[in-house]
Amino acid sequence: MVQVDVFWGYGWGASMAVAAGRRLARHKTPWESKYHVDTILFLALSWAPTGLLLLIQHPSWETMQAARDFAHIPAWLTLLFGITNVTQGLLGFWVGRWLIGKEKIDWAHLNWIFGYFGMFFILLYGWDGLGYDRFLYDRDMLPGSPAWTPGVGTAAGVLPAIGHFLTSSVAITLYIDGVWLLPPFFYLFSKWLRENARDQGVAEPGYGAILRSYLFGVFGVGFAAAAVCALMTRGAAYLFGVPDHVLRGLGEAAPHTGGHVAAYFLGLPTGLGVMYFGWWRNGMLGHRLLAPLRLEKSDDDRASSTAVSQA
């Protein structure tokens, strides 16, 4: 989705930076690094085309129901979308490189997870509290179906809507995108991370451990934080007297815009605080489960290093 890909692209680039790790510090500028060049190629040849395919095939869904069809999307927006899929990824890579250069490894990992958090929060809550409803509906799913209206995506219930979505034409396009996008990403990410481990003198994480840890970062931290923040934001909205979002969207209830906006300022930091102190902070379970990606030395590695230094 156009609004989502801004964050998702950032997460891709930031992920590539942590995989390359301290090797990035060998060059004065990122432009001298093969990792930077390969990241640009990945973003331009693998990532950007997947978003453009979705925009062409499913314009209403890809714009979160903001556009009726492709003809209603300005040409400049399509061009800008293709460009930002690359530039946002580079921004994530550059920020990750800077954090690694400052030895802020945990923050470098939070940097790529932030991209997924932003993506999932928009999908779940969005700017009007109906991100999930927009995500689960598209005119292409049912030929001749009308444009989205608030509540129509989950009118039969959230679970039936999810089941229908998984076999929809949108989902099929997403599966095609995944076949094109995911193999080159995991190949580069795993290859670079293992090279990084050898440089640091720690045991190379296995491919299975890398995949499990990365998926945990995406869903166990990024998605979980987005879900908690969405719930906190909706709870704050109730405190501020904001009525049901579907009724607001249909014009059947007062918009209460002030309370709706204020809910973000209370719900987001509260949710992020809960996740950080209860899940991600150093020593917590969420932090430990990402250890294979942080390349922390095991007890055996430390013992081996000590023996070598003493010898």
C-alpha atoms as a PDB file:
ATOM      1  CA  MET A   1       0.000   0.000   0.000  1.00  0.00           C
ATOM      2  CA  VAL A   2       1.264   3.463  -0.847  1.00  0.00           C
ATOM      3  CA  GLN A   3       0.963   4.758   2.731  1.00  0.00           C
ATOM      4  CA  VAL A   4       2.441   1.563   4.148  1.00  0.00           C
ATOM      5  CA  ASP A   5       5.354   1.148   1.745  1.00  0.00           C
ATOM      6  CA  VAL A   6       6.984   4.326   3.039  1.00  0.00           C
ATOM      7  CA  PHE A   7       7.667   2.460   6.286  1.00  0.00           C
ATOM      8  CA  TRP A   8       8.140  -0.988   4.796  1.00  0.00           C
ATOM      9  CA  GLY A   9      10.818   0.244   2.393  1.00  0.00           C
ATOM     10  CA  TYR A  10      12.585   1.909   5.330  1.00  0.00           C
ATOM     11  CA  GLY A  11      12.533  -1.426   7.153  1.00  0.00           C
ATOM     12  CA  TRP A  12      14.090  -3.260   4.194  1.00  0.00           C
ATOM     13  CA  GLY A  13      16.994  -0.837   3.965  1.00  0.00           C
ATOM     14  CA  ALA A  14      17.534  -0.722   7.715  1.00  0.00           C
ATOM     15  CA  SER A  15      17.567  -4.536   7.772  1.00  0.00           C
ATOM     16  CA  MET A  16      20.313  -4.634   5.153  1.00  0.00           C
ATOM     17  CA  ALA A  17      22.415  -2.295   7.289  1.00  0.00           C
ATOM     18  CA  VAL A  18      22.332  -4.512  10.392  1.00  0.00           C
ATOM     19  CA  ALA A  19      23.190  -7.548   8.285  1.00  0.00           C
ATOM     20  CA  ALA A  20      26.296  -5.816   6.919  1.00  0.00           C
ATOM     21  CA  GLY A  21      27.126  -4.643  10.435  1.00  0.00           C
ATOM     22  CA  ARG A  22      30.508  -3.217  11.356  1.00  0.00           C
ATOM     23  CA  ARG A  23      31.855  -3.817   7.866  1.00  0.00           C
ATOM     24  CA  LEU A  24      30.056  -0.622   6.894  1.00  0.00           C
ATOM     25  CA  ALA A  25      32.494   1.355   9.074  1.00  0.00           C
ATOM     26  CA  ARG A  26      35.408   0.408   6.819  1.00  0.00           C
ATOM     27  CA  HIS A  27      34.362   3.013   4.271  1.00  0.00           C
ATOM     28  CA  LYS A  28      34.253   6.771   4.727  1.00  0.00           C
ATOM     29  CA  THR A  29      31.020   7.036   2.773  1.00  0.00           C
ATOM     30  CA  PRO A  30      28.372   4.385   2.058  1.00  0.00           C
ATOM     31  CA  TRP A  31      28.849   4.918  -1.683  1.00  0.00           C
ATOM     32  CA  GLU A  32      32.194   3.108  -1.488  1.00  0.00           C
ATOM     33  CA  SER A  33      30.604  -0.032  -0.029  1.00  0.00           C
ATOM     34  CA  LYS A  34      29.397  -3.058  -1.989  1.00  0.00           C
ATOM     35  CA  TYR A  35      26.680  -3.401   0.641  1.00  0.00           C
ATOM     36  CA  HIS A  36      25.311   0.002  -0.267  1.00  0.00           C
ATOM     37  CA  VAL A  37      25.375  -0.788  -3.985  1.00  0.00           C
ATOM     38  CA  ASP A  38      23.699  -4.169  -3.497  1.00  0.00           C
ATOM     39  CA  THR A  39      21.050  -2.580  -1.278  1.00  0.00           C
ATOM     40  CA  ILE A  40      20.238  -0.061  -4.002  1.00  0.00           C
ATOM     41  CA  LEU A  41      19.971  -2.875  -6.554  1.00  0.00           C
ATOM     42  CA  PHE A  42      17.702  -4.867  -4.239  1.00  0.00           C
ATOM     43  CA  LEU A  43      15.436  -1.886  -3.601  1.00  0.00           C
ATOM     44  CA  ALA A  44      15.274  -0.899  -7.273  1.00  0.00           C
ATOM     45  CA  LEU A  45      15.015  -4.337  -8.876  1.00  0.00           C
ATOM     46  CA  SER A  46      13.167  -6.406  -6.251  1.00  0.00           C
ATOM     47  CA  TRP A  47      11.290  -4.140  -3.860  1.00  0.00           C
ATOM     48  CA  ALA A  48      10.071  -1.210  -5.971  1.00  0.00           C
ATOM     49  CA  PRO A  49       8.512  -3.338  -8.755  1.00  0.00           C
ATOM     50  CA  THR A  50       6.349  -5.247  -6.284  1.00  0.00           C
ATOM     51  CA  GLY A  51       4.658  -2.071  -5.084  1.00  0.00           C
ATOM     52  CA  LEU A  52       4.144  -0.769  -8.613  1.00  0.00           C
ATOM     53  CA  LEU A  53       2.567  -4.083  -9.651  1.00  0.00           C
ATOM     54  CA  LEU A  54       0.067  -3.799  -6.810  1.00  0.00           C
ATOM     55  CA  LEU A  55      -0.666  -0.173  -7.665  1.00  0.00           C
ATOM     56  CA  ILE A  56      -1.455  -1.070 -11.270  1.00  0.00           C
ATOM     57  CA  GLN A  57      -3.394  -4.256 -10.512  1.00  0.00           C
ATOM     58  CA  HIS A  58      -5.266  -3.086  -7.403  1.00  0.00           C
ATOM     59  CA  PRO A  59      -5.195   0.726  -7.249  1.00  0.00           C
ATOM     60  CA  SER A  60      -7.999   1.149  -4.718  1.00  0.00           C
ATOM     61  CA  TRP A  61      -6.510  -1.384  -2.302  1.00  0.00           C
ATOM     62  CA  GLU A  62      -2.932  -0.169  -2.782  1.00  0.00           C
ATOM     63  CA  THR A  63      -3.980   3.398  -1.915  1.00  0.00           C
ATOM     64  CA  MET A  64      -6.012   2.192   1.109  1.00  0.00           C
ATOM     65  CA  GLN A  65      -9.234   3.007  -0.727  1.00  0.00           C
ATOM     66  CA  ALA A  66      -8.185   6.609  -1.428  1.00  0.00           C
ATOM     67  CA  ALA A  67      -8.316   6.143  -5.229  1.00  0.00           C
ATOM     68  CA  ARG A  68     -11.271   4.705  -7.123  1.00  0.00           C
ATOM     69  CA  ASP A  69      -9.147   3.275  -9.952  1.00  0.00           C
ATOM     70  CA  PHE A  70      -5.757   3.752 -11.579  1.00  0.00           C
ATOM     71  CA  ALA A  71      -7.021   6.563 -13.817  1.00  0.00           C
ATOM     72  CA  HIS A  72      -7.765   8.635 -10.700  1.00  0.00           C
ATOM     73  CA  ILE A  73      -4.170   8.434  -9.446  1.00  0.00           C
ATOM     74  CA  PRO A  74      -2.126  11.462 -10.587  1.00  0.00           C
ATOM     75  CA  ALA A  75       0.848  10.563 -12.775  1.00  0.00           C
ATOM     76  CA  TRP A  76       3.212  12.421 -10.444  1.00  0.00           C
ATOM     77  CA  LEU A  77       2.063  10.300  -7.512  1.00  0.00           C
ATOM     78  CA  THR A  78       2.808   7.066  -9.353  1.00  0.00           C
ATOM     79  CA  LEU A  79       6.263   8.384 -10.225  1.00  0.00           C
ATOM     80  CA  LEU A  80       6.886   9.567  -6.670  1.00  0.00           C
ATOM     81  CA  PHE A  81       5.756   6.218  -5.287  1.00  0.00           C
ATOM     82  CA  GLY A  82       8.294   4.358  -7.410  1.00  0.00           C
ATOM     83  CA  ILE A  83      11.063   6.728  -6.352  1.00  0.00           C
ATOM     84  CA  THR A  84      10.307   6.684  -2.618  1.00  0.00           C
ATOM     85  CA  ASN A  85      10.348   2.896  -2.565  1.00  0.00           C
ATOM     86  CA  VAL A  86      14.067   3.271  -3.207  1.00  0.00           C
ATOM     87  CA  THR A  87      14.843   6.475  -1.295  1.00  0.00           C
ATOM     88  CA  GLN A  88      13.048   5.374   1.878  1.00  0.00           C
ATOM     89  CA  GLY A  89      14.993   2.144   1.862  1.00  0.00           C
ATOM     90  CA  LEU A  90      18.236   4.090   1.482  1.00  0.00           C
ATOM     91  CA  LEU A  91      17.224   6.338   4.372  1.00  0.00           C
ATOM     92  CA  GLY A  92      16.729   3.275   6.588  1.00  0.00           C
ATOM     93  CA  PHE A  93      20.125   1.932   5.462  1.00  0.00           C
ATOM     94  CA  TRP A  94      21.907   5.228   6.173  1.00  0.00           C
ATOM     95  CA  VAL A  95      20.348   5.601   9.632  1.00  0.00           C
ATOM     96  CA  GLY A  96      21.262   1.992  10.430  1.00  0.00           C
ATOM     97  CA  ARG A  97      24.837   2.566   9.232  1.00  0.00           C
ATOM     98  CA  TRP A  98      25.126   5.657  11.437  1.00  0.00           C
ATOM     99  CA  LEU A  99      23.841   3.790  14.510  1.00  0.00           C
ATOM    100  CA  ILE A 100      26.213   0.891  13.921  1.00  0.00           C
ATOM    101  CA  GLY A 101      29.107   3.337  13.561  1.00  0.00           C
ATOM    102  CA  LYS A 102      28.164   4.702  16.997  1.00  0.00           C
ATOM    103  CA  GLU A 103      28.112   1.122  18.387  1.00  0.00           C
ATOM    104  CA  LYS A 104      24.387   1.439  19.110  1.00  0.00           C
ATOM    105  CA  ILE A 105      23.577  -2.083  17.952  1.00  0.00           C
ATOM    106  CA  ASP A 106      20.290  -2.422  19.845  1.00  0.00           C
ATOM    107  CA  TRP A 107      19.096   0.865  18.377  1.00  0.00           C
ATOM    108  CA  ALA A 108      20.137  -0.284  14.914  1.00  0.00           C
ATOM    109  CA  HIS A 109      17.839  -3.280  15.342  1.00  0.00           C
ATOM    110  CA  LEU A 110      15.030  -1.141  16.660  1.00  0.00           C
ATOM    111  CA  ASN A 111      15.580   0.980  13.551  1.00  0.00           C
ATOM    112  CA  TRP A 112      14.533  -1.786  11.152  1.00  0.00           C
ATOM    113  CA  ILE A 113      11.790  -2.977  13.480  1.00  0.00           C
ATOM    114  CA  PHE A 114      10.454   0.600  13.516  1.00  0.00           C
ATOM    115  CA  GLY A 115       9.785   0.275   9.781  1.00  0.00           C
ATOM    116  CA  TYR A 116       7.583  -2.751  10.383  1.00  0.00           C
ATOM    117  CA  PHE A 117       5.905  -1.108  13.354  1.00  0.00           C
ATOM    118  CA  GLY A 118       4.893   1.872  11.201  1.00  0.00           C
ATOM    119  CA  MET A 119       3.653  -0.436   8.461  1.00  0.00           C
ATOM    120  CA  PHE A 120       1.533  -2.575  10.770  1.00  0.00           C
ATOM    121  CA  PHE A 121       0.135   0.350  12.751  1.00  0.00           C
ATOM    122  CA  ILE A 122      -1.206   1.934   9.556  1.00  0.00           C
ATOM    123  CA  LEU A 123      -2.671  -1.399   8.462  1.00  0.00           C
ATOM    124  CA  LEU A 124      -4.352  -1.982  11.828  1.00  0.00           C
ATOM    125  CA  TYR A 125      -5.407   1.517  12.818  1.00  0.00           C
ATOM    126  CA  GLY A 126      -4.434   4.033  10.166  1.00  0.00           C
ATOM    127  CA  TRP A 127      -5.416   7.671  10.220  1.00  0.00           C
ATOM    128  CA  ASP A 128      -9.108   7.069  10.924  1.00  0.00           C
ATOM    129  CA  GLY A 129      -9.119   3.948  13.092  1.00  0.00           C
ATOM    130  CA  LEU A 130     -10.235   1.819  10.121  1.00  0.00           C
ATOM    131  CA  GLY A 131      -6.932   0.632   8.694  1.00  0.00           C
ATOM    132  CA  TYR A 132      -7.891  -3.040   9.122  1.00  0.00           C
ATOM    133  CA  ASP A 133     -11.226  -2.469   7.387  1.00  0.00           C
ATOM    134  CA  ARG A 134      -9.552  -0.759   4.430  1.00  0.00           C
ATOM    135  CA  PHE A 135      -6.963  -3.536   4.200  1.00  0.00           C
ATOM    136  CA  LEU A 136      -9.515  -6.348   4.068  1.00  0.00           C
ATOM    137  CA  TYR A 137     -11.591  -4.918   1.217  1.00  0.00           C
ATOM    138  CA  ASP A 138     -11.020  -4.267  -2.437  1.00  0.00           C
ATOM    139  CA  ARG A 139     -13.298  -3.889  -5.407  1.00  0.00           C
ATOM    140  CA  ASP A 140     -11.192  -6.402  -7.328  1.00  0.00           C
ATOM    141  CA  MET A 141     -12.034  -9.156  -4.859  1.00  0.00           C
ATOM    142  CA  LEU A 142     -15.648  -9.236  -6.020  1.00  0.00           C
ATOM    143  CA  PRO A 143     -16.256  -8.229  -9.671  1.00  0.00           C
ATOM    144  CA  GLY A 144     -18.594  -5.275  -9.870  1.00  0.00           C
ATOM    145  CA  SER A 145     -18.393  -4.559  -6.167  1.00  0.00           C
ATOM    146  CA  PRO A 146     -18.826  -0.945  -5.049  1.00  0.00           C
ATOM    147  CA  ALA A 147     -16.156   1.358  -3.689  1.00  0.00           C
ATOM    148  CA  TRP A 148     -15.178   0.935  -0.059  1.00  0.00           C
ATOM    149  CA  THR A 149     -17.298   2.528   2.640  1.00  0.00           C
ATOM    150  CA  PRO A 150     -16.526   2.399   6.375  1.00  0.00           C
ATOM    151  CA  GLY A 151     -17.352  -1.013   7.810  1.00  0.00           C
ATOM    152  CA  VAL A 152     -17.898  -2.833   4.523  1.00  0.00           C
ATOM    153  CA  GLY A 153     -14.580  -4.682   4.691  1.00  0.00           C
ATOM    154  CA  THR A 154     -15.512  -6.509   7.896  1.00  0.00           C
ATOM    155  CA  ALA A 155     -19.309  -6.400   7.704  1.00  0.00           C
ATOM    156  CA  ALA A 156     -19.501 -10.207   8.036  1.00  0.00           C
ATOM    157  CA  GLY A 157     -16.877 -10.259  10.770  1.00  0.00           C
ATOM    158  CA  VAL A 158     -13.112  -9.941  10.886  1.00  0.00           C
ATOM    159  CA  LEU A 159     -12.297 -13.664  10.670  1.00  0.00           C
ATOM    160  CA  PRO A 160     -14.500 -14.321   7.591  1.00  0.00           C
ATOM    161  CA  ALA A 161     -13.000 -11.219   5.982  1.00  0.00           C
ATOM    162  CA  ILE A 162      -9.473 -12.528   6.601  1.00  0.00           C
ATOM    163  CA  GLY A 163     -10.397 -15.922   5.157  1.00  0.00           C
ATOM    164  CA  HIS A 164     -11.838 -14.318   2.040  1.00  0.00           C
ATOM    165  CA  PHE A 165      -8.855 -12.026   1.671  1.00  0.00           C
ATOM    166  CA  LEU A 166      -6.346 -14.910   1.711  1.00  0.00           C
ATOM    167  CA  THR A 167      -7.854 -16.280  -1.519  1.00  0.00           C
ATOM    168  CA  SER A 168      -8.597 -12.931  -3.155  1.00  0.00           C
ATOM    169  CA  SER A 169      -7.030 -11.523  -6.306  1.00  0.00           C
ATOM    170  CA  VAL A 170      -5.110  -9.068  -4.122  1.00  0.00           C
ATOM    171  CA  ALA A 171      -3.621 -11.918  -2.096  1.00  0.00           C
ATOM    172  CA  ILE A 172      -2.604 -13.767  -5.272  1.00  0.00           C
ATOM    173  CA  THR A 173      -0.713 -10.675  -6.435  1.00  0.00           C
ATOM    174  CA  LEU A 174       0.916 -10.459  -2.999  1.00  0.00           C
ATOM    175  CA  TYR A 175       2.024 -14.092  -3.274  1.00  0.00           C
ATOM    176  CA  ILE A 176       3.601 -13.349  -6.662  1.00  0.00           C
ATOM    177  CA  ASP A 177       5.352 -10.343  -5.142  1.00  0.00           C
ATOM    178  CA  GLY A 178       6.640 -12.508  -2.312  1.00  0.00           C
ATOM    179  CA  VAL A 179       8.174 -15.035  -4.716  1.00  0.00           C
ATOM    180  CA  TRP A 180       9.987 -12.187  -6.478  1.00  0.00           C
ATOM    181  CA  LEU A 181      11.010 -10.243  -3.368  1.00  0.00           C
ATOM    182  CA  LEU A 182      11.742 -12.568  -0.462  1.00  0.00           C
ATOM    183  CA  PRO A 183      14.385 -14.987  -1.849  1.00  0.00           C
ATOM    184  CA  PRO A 184      16.900 -12.263  -2.821  1.00  0.00           C
ATOM    185  CA  PHE A 185      16.355 -10.459   0.477  1.00  0.00           C
ATOM    186  CA  PHE A 186      16.949 -13.497   2.672  1.00  0.00           C
ATOM    187  CA  TYR A 187      19.904 -14.562   0.524  1.00  0.00           C
ATOM    188  CA  LEU A 188      21.646 -11.191   0.958  1.00  0.00           C
ATOM    189  CA  PHE A 189      20.612 -10.738   4.580  1.00  0.00           C
ATOM    190  CA  SER A 190      21.821 -14.199   5.652  1.00  0.00           C
ATOM    191  CA  LYS A 191      25.017 -14.026   3.602  1.00  0.00           C
ATOM    192  CA  TRP A 192      25.997 -10.630   5.010  1.00  0.00           C
ATOM    193  CA  LEU A 193      25.085 -11.518   8.590  1.00  0.00           C
ATOM    194  CA  ARG A 194      27.208 -14.663   8.488  1.00  0.00           C
ATOM    195  CA  GLU A 195      30.135 -12.723   7.005  1.00  0.00           C
ATOM    196  CA  ASN A 196      29.692 -10.185   9.781  1.00  0.00           C
ATOM    197  CA  ALA A 197      29.808 -12.996  12.374  1.00  0.00           C
ATOM    198  CA  ARG A 198      33.087 -14.326  10.981  1.00  0.00           C
ATOM    199  CA  ASP A 199      34.597 -10.851  11.161  1.00  0.00           C
ATOM    200  CA  GLN A 200      33.640 -10.557  14.816  1.00  0.00           C
ATOM    201  CA  GLY A 201      34.890 -14.011  15.694  1.00  0.00           C
ATOM    202  CA  VAL A 202      31.542 -15.370  16.803  1.00  0.00           C
ATOM    203  CA  ALA A 203      29.731 -18.516  15.705  1.00  0.00           C
ATOM    204  CA  GLU A 204      27.820 -18.029  12.463  1.00  0.00           C
ATOM    205  CA  PRO A 205      24.073 -18.292  13.105  1.00  0.00           C
ATOM    206  CA  GLY A 206      22.343 -20.972  11.078  1.00  0.00           C
ATOM    207  CA  TYR A 207      19.942 -20.052   8.312  1.00  0.00           C
ATOM    208  CA  GLY A 208      17.013 -21.362  10.337  1.00  0.00           C
ATOM    209  CA  ALA A 209      17.990 -19.281  13.368  1.00  0.00           C
ATOM    210  CA  ILE A 210      18.368 -16.194  11.189  1.00  0.00           C
ATOM    211  CA  LEU A 211      14.949 -16.701   9.608  1.00  0.00           C
ATOM    212  CA  ARG A 212      13.236 -17.374  12.949  1.00  0.00           C
ATOM    213  CA  SER A 213      14.816 -14.362  14.622  1.00  0.00           C
ATOM    214  CA  TYR A 214      14.003 -12.040  11.751  1.00  0.00           C
ATOM    215  CA  LEU A 215      10.388 -13.167  11.581  1.00  0.00           C
ATOM    216  CA  PHE A 216      10.169 -12.745  15.349  1.00  0.00           C
ATOM    217  CA  GLY A 217      11.416  -9.165  14.965  1.00  0.00           C
ATOM    218  CA  VAL A 218       8.792  -8.526  12.275  1.00  0.00           C
ATOM    219  CA  PHE A 219       5.807 -10.104  14.004  1.00  0.00           C
ATOM    220  CA  GLY A 220       6.798 -10.641  17.637  1.00  0.00           C
ATOM    221  CA  VAL A 221       8.054  -7.079  18.054  1.00  0.00           C
ATOM    222  CA  GLY A 222       6.927  -4.941  15.090  1.00  0.00           C
ATOM    223  CA  PHE A 223       3.402  -6.320  14.697  1.00  0.00           C
ATOM    224  CA  ALA A 224       2.902  -6.864  18.437  1.00  0.00           C
ATOM    225  CA  ALA A 225       3.900  -3.268  19.193  1.00  0.00           C
ATOM    226  CA  ALA A 226       1.567  -1.990  16.469  1.00  0.00           C
ATOM    227  CA  ALA A 227      -1.319  -4.060  17.860  1.00  0.00           C
ATOM    228  CA  VAL A 228      -0.712  -2.849  21.425  1.00  0.00           C
ATOM    229  CA  CYS A 229      -0.479   0.766  20.241  1.00  0.00           C
ATOM    230  CA  ALA A 230      -3.657   0.393  18.177  1.00  0.00           C
ATOM    231  CA  LEU A 231      -5.515  -0.903  21.235  1.00  0.00           C
ATOM    232  CA  MET A 232      -4.093   1.839  23.444  1.00  0.00           C
ATOM    233  CA  THR A 233      -4.977   4.502  20.903  1.00  0.00           C
ATOM    234  CA  ARG A 234      -8.542   3.221  20.577  1.00  0.00           C
ATOM    235  CA  GLY A 235      -8.823   3.068  24.356  1.00  0.00           C
ATOM    236  CA  ALA A 236      -7.583   6.653  24.624  1.00  0.00           C
ATOM    237  CA  ALA A 237     -10.115   7.670  21.995  1.00  0.00           C
ATOM    238  CA  TYR A 238     -12.916   6.215  24.130  1.00  0.00           C
ATOM    239  CA  LEU A 239     -11.602   8.182  27.109  1.00  0.00           C
ATOM    240  CA  PHE A 240     -11.784  11.341  25.014  1.00  0.00           C
ATOM    241  CA  GLY A 241     -15.355  10.582  23.989  1.00  0.00           C
ATOM    242  CA  VAL A 242     -14.669   9.524  20.398  1.00  0.00           C
ATOM    243  CA  PRO A 243     -17.554   7.366  19.111  1.00  0.00           C
ATOM    244  CA  ASP A 244     -17.357   4.266  16.930  1.00  0.00           C
ATOM    245  CA  HIS A 245     -15.024   4.851  13.961  1.00  0.00           C
ATOM    246  CA  VAL A 246     -17.396   3.231  11.470  1.00  0.00           C
ATOM    247  CA  LEU A 247     -20.218   5.547  12.546  1.00  0.00           C
ATOM    248  CA  ARG A 248     -17.818   8.505  12.372  1.00  0.00           C
ATOM    249  CA  GLY A 249     -16.781   7.496   8.872  1.00  0.00           C
ATOM    250  CA  LEU A 250     -20.385   7.134   7.723  1.00  0.00           C
ATOM    251  CA  GLY A 251     -21.297  10.518   9.161  1.00  0.00           C
ATOM    252  CA  GLU A 252     -23.732   8.940  11.605  1.00  0.00           C
ATOM    253  CA  ALA A 253     -21.810  10.185  14.649  1.00  0.00           C
ATOM    254  CA  ALA A 254     -19.994  13.377  15.503  1.00  0.00           C
ATOM    255  CA  PRO A 255     -16.413  13.374  14.129  1.00  0.00           C
ATOM    256  CA  HIS A 256     -14.872  14.528  17.413  1.00  0.00           C
ATOM    257  CA  THR A 257     -11.649  15.274  15.539  1.00  0.00           C
ATOM    258  CA  GLY A 258      -9.870  16.850  18.495  1.00  0.00           C
ATOM    259  CA  GLY A 259     -10.309  13.782  20.689  1.00  0.00           C
ATOM    260  CA  HIS A 260      -9.366  11.493  17.805  1.00  0.00           C
ATOM    261  CA  VAL A 261      -6.082  13.331  17.229  1.00  0.00           C
ATOM    262  CA  ALA A 262      -5.338  13.567  20.953  1.00  0.00           C
ATOM    263  CA  ALA A 263      -5.755   9.790  21.258  1.00  0.00           C
ATOM    264  CA  TYR A 264      -2.635   9.254  19.129  1.00  0.00           C
ATOM    265  CA  PHE A 265      -0.546  11.411  21.460  1.00  0.00           C
ATOM    266  CA  LEU A 266      -1.624   9.316  24.441  1.00  0.00           C
ATOM    267  CA  GLY A 267      -2.027   5.863  22.911  1.00  0.00           C
ATOM    268  CA  LEU A 268       1.181   5.649  20.870  1.00  0.00           C
ATOM    269  CA  PRO A 269       3.714   6.524  23.589  1.00  0.00           C
ATOM    270  CA  THR A 270       1.822   4.445  26.149  1.00  0.00           C
ATOM    271  CA  GLY A 271       1.802   1.402  23.880  1.00  0.00           C
ATOM    272  CA  LEU A 272       5.461   1.801  22.942  1.00  0.00           C
ATOM    273  CA  GLY A 273       6.396   2.199  26.603  1.00  0.00           C
ATOM    274  CA  VAL A 274       4.565  -0.997  27.514  1.00  0.00           C
ATOM    275  CA  MET A 275       6.324  -2.885  24.729  1.00  0.00           C
ATOM    276  CA  TYR A 276       9.779  -1.530  25.507  1.00  0.00           C
ATOM    277  CA  PHE A 277       9.789  -2.073  29.251  1.00  0.00           C
ATOM    278  CA  GLY A 278       7.793  -5.296  29.187  1.00  0.00           C
ATOM    279  CA  TRP A 279       9.157  -6.990  26.074  1.00  0.00           C
ATOM    280  CA  TRP A 280      12.181  -5.434  24.383  1.00  0.00           C
ATOM    281  CA  ARG A 281      14.370  -3.918  27.136  1.00  0.00           C
ATOM    282  CA  ASN A 282      17.762  -5.560  27.674  1.00  0.00           C
ATOM    283  CA  GLY A 283      17.266  -8.924  29.385  1.00  0.00           C
ATOM    284  CA  MET A 284      13.589  -9.258  28.466  1.00  0.00           C
ATOM    285  CA  LEU A 285      12.366 -12.196  26.371  1.00  0.00           C
ATOM    286  CA  GLY A 286      11.853 -10.136  23.219  1.00  0.00           C
ATOM    287  CA  HIS A 287      15.402  -8.838  23.427  1.00  0.00           C
ATOM    288  CA  ARG A 288      16.864 -12.337  23.952  1.00  0.00           C
ATOM    289  CA  LEU A 289      15.010 -13.865  21.007  1.00  0.00           C
ATOM    290  CA  LEU A 290      16.800 -11.488  18.638  1.00  0.00           C
ATOM    291  CA  ALA A 291      20.235 -12.564  19.905  1.00  0.00           C
ATOM    292  CA  PRO A 292      21.146 -14.473  16.690  1.00  0.00           C
ATOM    293  CA  LEU A 293      20.814 -11.239  14.715  1.00  0.00           C
ATOM    294  CA  ARG A 294      22.807  -9.188  17.226  1.00  0.00           C
ATOM    295  CA  LEU A 295      25.688 -11.703  16.957  1.00  0.00           C
ATOM    296  CA  GLU A 296      26.289 -11.787  20.689  1.00  0.00           C
ATOM    297  CA  LYS A 297      29.204 -13.947  21.789  1.00  0.00           C
ATOM    298  CA  SER A 298      28.230 -17.205  23.466  1.00  0.00           C
ATOM    299  CA  ASP A 299      30.024 -18.537  26.544  1.00  0.00           C
ATOM    300  CA  ASP A 300      32.046 -20.842  24.270  1.00  0.00           C
ATOM    301  CA  ASP A 301      33.074 -17.907  22.081  1.00  0.00           C
ATOM    302  CA  ARG A 302      34.179 -15.903  25.117  1.00  0.00           C
ATOM    303  CA  ALA A 303      36.173 -18.839  26.484  1.00  0.00           C
ATOM    304  CA  SER A 304      37.862 -19.346  23.123  1.00  0.00           C
ATOM    305  CA  SER A 305      38.748 -15.652  22.835  1.00  0.00           C
ATOM    306  CA  THR A 306      40.198 -15.672  26.360  1.00  0.00           C
ATOM    307  CA  ALA A 307      42.306 -18.738  25.608  1.00  0.00           C
ATOM    308  CA  VAL A 308      43.684 -17.184  22.437  1.00  0.00           C
ATOM    309  CA  SER A 309      44.562 -13.906  24.170  1.00  0.00           C
ATOM    310  CA  GLN A 310      46.305 -15.766  27.029  1.00  0.00           C
ATOM    311  CA  ALA A 311      48.262 -17.864  24.577  1.00  0.00           C
END
